[in-house]
């Protein structure tokens, strides 16, 4: 089934930080936004991608090209 959606710039920023292993608290501090806002971005992405957990979010985001594996990044 096609997924007619896009992620916002802020959602993509949050997604990149999730990919880097950051927790919501760290993301909120780093982006200077509230934890509630981080949680809202995460929930919106999960709804758009039709997933129910972080592992599925990252897997689907990779498959759909929203994030890329950075070679040499640790």
Protein backbone atom coordinates (compact mmCIF):
# COMPACT_ATOMS: atom_id res chain seq x y z
CA UNK A 1 0.00 0.00 0.00
CA UNK A 2 1.34 3.42 -0.98
CA UNK A 3 2.07 5.89 1.80
CA UNK A 4 1.07 9.38 0.58
CA UNK A 5 2.89 11.45 3.18
CA UNK A 6 5.97 13.42 3.90
CA UNK A 7 7.76 14.18 7.12
CA UNK A 8 8.25 17.77 8.18
CA UNK A 9 11.73 19.21 8.58
CA UNK A 10 11.38 19.08 12.38
CA UNK A 11 10.13 15.49 12.29
CA UNK A 12 13.17 14.59 10.20
CA UNK A 13 15.46 16.30 12.73
CA UNK A 14 13.85 14.32 15.56
CA UNK A 15 14.08 11.12 13.51
CA UNK A 16 17.81 11.66 12.92
CA UNK A 17 18.37 12.07 16.65
CA UNK A 18 16.34 8.93 17.39
CA UNK A 19 18.50 7.12 14.82
CA UNK A 20 21.57 8.40 16.71
CA UNK A 21 20.21 6.73 19.86
CA UNK A 22 19.06 9.88 21.67
CA UNK A 23 16.25 9.70 24.22
CA UNK A 24 13.31 12.13 24.19
CA UNK A 25 14.80 14.14 27.08
CA UNK A 26 18.12 14.58 25.25
CA UNK A 27 16.35 15.47 22.01
CA UNK A 28 14.27 18.13 23.75
CA UNK A 29 17.37 19.66 25.33
CA UNK A 30 19.36 19.57 22.10
CA UNK A 31 16.56 21.05 19.98
CA UNK A 32 15.42 23.47 22.70
CA UNK A 33 11.85 22.20 22.57
CA UNK A 34 9.66 20.61 25.25
CA UNK A 35 9.51 16.87 25.83
CA UNK A 36 5.81 17.04 24.90
CA UNK A 37 6.78 18.46 21.49
CA UNK A 38 9.32 15.68 20.95
CA UNK A 39 6.69 13.12 21.92
CA UNK A 40 4.21 14.75 19.51
CA UNK A 41 6.74 14.63 16.64
CA UNK A 42 7.47 10.97 17.40
CA UNK A 43 3.74 10.13 17.57
CA UNK A 44 3.05 11.97 14.31
CA UNK A 45 5.85 10.12 12.51
CA UNK A 46 4.64 6.78 13.84
CA UNK A 47 1.11 7.54 12.67
CA UNK A 48 2.30 8.64 9.22
CA UNK A 49 4.48 5.55 8.83
CA UNK A 50 1.80 3.30 10.35
CA UNK A 51 4.09 1.75 12.94
CA UNK A 52 3.70 1.12 16.65
CA UNK A 53 7.21 1.16 18.10
CA UNK A 54 10.62 2.76 17.67
CA UNK A 55 12.21 -0.26 15.99
CA UNK A 56 9.48 -0.27 13.33
CA UNK A 57 9.80 3.52 12.99
CA UNK A 58 13.51 3.29 12.23
CA UNK A 59 13.15 0.26 9.95
CA UNK A 60 10.38 1.88 7.91
CA UNK A 61 12.17 5.25 7.82
CA UNK A 62 15.24 3.49 6.37
CA UNK A 63 13.16 1.60 3.81
CA UNK A 64 11.33 4.78 2.75
CA UNK A 65 14.56 6.80 2.52
CA UNK A 66 13.86 9.24 5.34
CA UNK A 67 17.15 8.36 6.99
CA UNK A 68 20.37 7.00 5.59
CA UNK A 69 23.10 4.96 7.19
CA UNK A 70 26.14 7.22 7.51
CA UNK A 71 29.31 5.28 6.82
CA UNK A 72 32.01 5.78 9.39
CA UNK A 73 29.61 7.28 11.92
CA UNK A 74 29.73 5.64 15.31
